[in-house]
Protein backbone atom coordinates (compact mmCIF):
# COMPACT_ATOMS: atom_id res chain seq x y z
CA UNK A 1 126.47 -21.66 175.85
CA UNK A 2 126.53 -18.28 177.18
CA UNK A 3 122.88 -17.64 178.77
CA UNK A 4 123.04 -13.82 177.33
CA UNK A 5 122.97 -15.45 173.70
CA UNK A 6 119.54 -17.21 174.44
CA UNK A 7 116.43 -15.65 172.70
CA UNK A 8 112.82 -16.09 173.80
CA UNK A 9 110.07 -16.14 171.11
CA UNK A 10 106.69 -16.79 172.84
CA UNK A 11 107.26 -19.45 175.31
CA UNK A 12 110.20 -20.99 173.19
CA UNK A 13 114.02 -20.39 174.04
CA UNK A 14 116.54 -20.42 170.98
CA UNK A 15 120.34 -19.84 170.16
CA UNK A 16 121.79 -19.16 166.97
CA UNK A 17 124.24 -21.36 165.36
CA UNK A 18 125.57 -20.92 162.04
CA UNK A 19 122.89 -18.52 161.13
CA UNK A 20 120.12 -21.00 162.11
CA UNK A 21 117.76 -20.70 165.22
CA UNK A 22 118.32 -24.03 167.38
CA UNK A 23 115.57 -24.72 170.00
CA UNK A 24 116.54 -25.16 173.56
CA UNK A 25 114.49 -27.69 174.97
CA UNK A 26 116.29 -28.23 178.52
CA UNK A 27 118.15 -26.33 180.65
CA UNK A 28 120.52 -27.41 183.39
CA UNK A 29 120.02 -25.14 186.29
CA UNK A 30 123.96 -24.40 186.86
CA UNK A 31 123.97 -20.77 186.70
CA UNK A 32 124.14 -18.91 189.87
CA UNK A 33 121.20 -16.60 189.71
CA UNK A 34 122.16 -14.21 192.52
CA UNK A 35 125.74 -13.81 190.77
CA UNK A 36 124.11 -12.88 187.58
CA UNK A 37 121.76 -10.25 189.61
CA UNK A 38 124.78 -8.69 191.47
CA UNK A 39 127.00 -8.29 188.49
CA UNK A 40 124.16 -6.90 186.52
CA UNK A 41 123.78 -9.34 183.75
CA UNK A 42 120.66 -8.60 181.73
CA UNK A 43 119.04 -11.93 180.56
CA UNK A 44 116.91 -11.68 177.29
CA UNK A 45 114.34 -13.69 179.24
CA UNK A 46 113.00 -14.17 182.71
CA UNK A 47 113.43 -17.47 184.39
CA UNK A 48 110.35 -17.11 186.31
CA UNK A 49 108.34 -17.09 182.79
CA UNK A 50 106.34 -19.96 181.76
CA UNK A 51 108.57 -21.41 179.11
CA UNK A 52 108.56 -24.79 176.87
CA UNK A 53 111.81 -26.06 178.65
CA UNK A 54 112.76 -28.58 180.92
CA UNK A 55 114.47 -27.38 184.08
CA UNK A 56 116.90 -29.99 184.91
CA UNK A 57 119.06 -30.16 188.22
CA UNK A 58 122.94 -30.45 187.40
CA UNK A 59 124.09 -34.06 187.50
CA UNK A 60 126.56 -33.54 190.17
CA UNK A 61 123.63 -32.34 192.65
CA UNK A 62 122.45 -34.90 195.28
CA UNK A 63 119.06 -35.65 196.76
CA UNK A 64 117.74 -37.25 199.55
CA UNK A 65 115.67 -40.46 198.38
CA UNK A 66 113.23 -41.96 200.83
CA UNK A 67 113.01 -45.55 201.31
CA UNK A 68 109.49 -45.29 200.26
CA UNK A 69 110.11 -43.67 196.61
CA UNK A 70 112.94 -46.15 195.66
CA UNK A 71 110.68 -48.60 194.33
CA UNK A 72 108.76 -46.37 192.09
């Protein structure tokens, strides 16, 4: 999905498919925000807005997990 095709309505984000608005519930934070800014891509929303979406890390990203948090 092209990030420029996303539309904002209040706190919700949507894209259009087959003439119907489809709500977006989760965004994988894979876009390179600095690259979008450098290329002058105008986004139809501000990623810093309070939005009703879940921001998920990319599945290929690795995080350090402490021994303390593993049981939880």
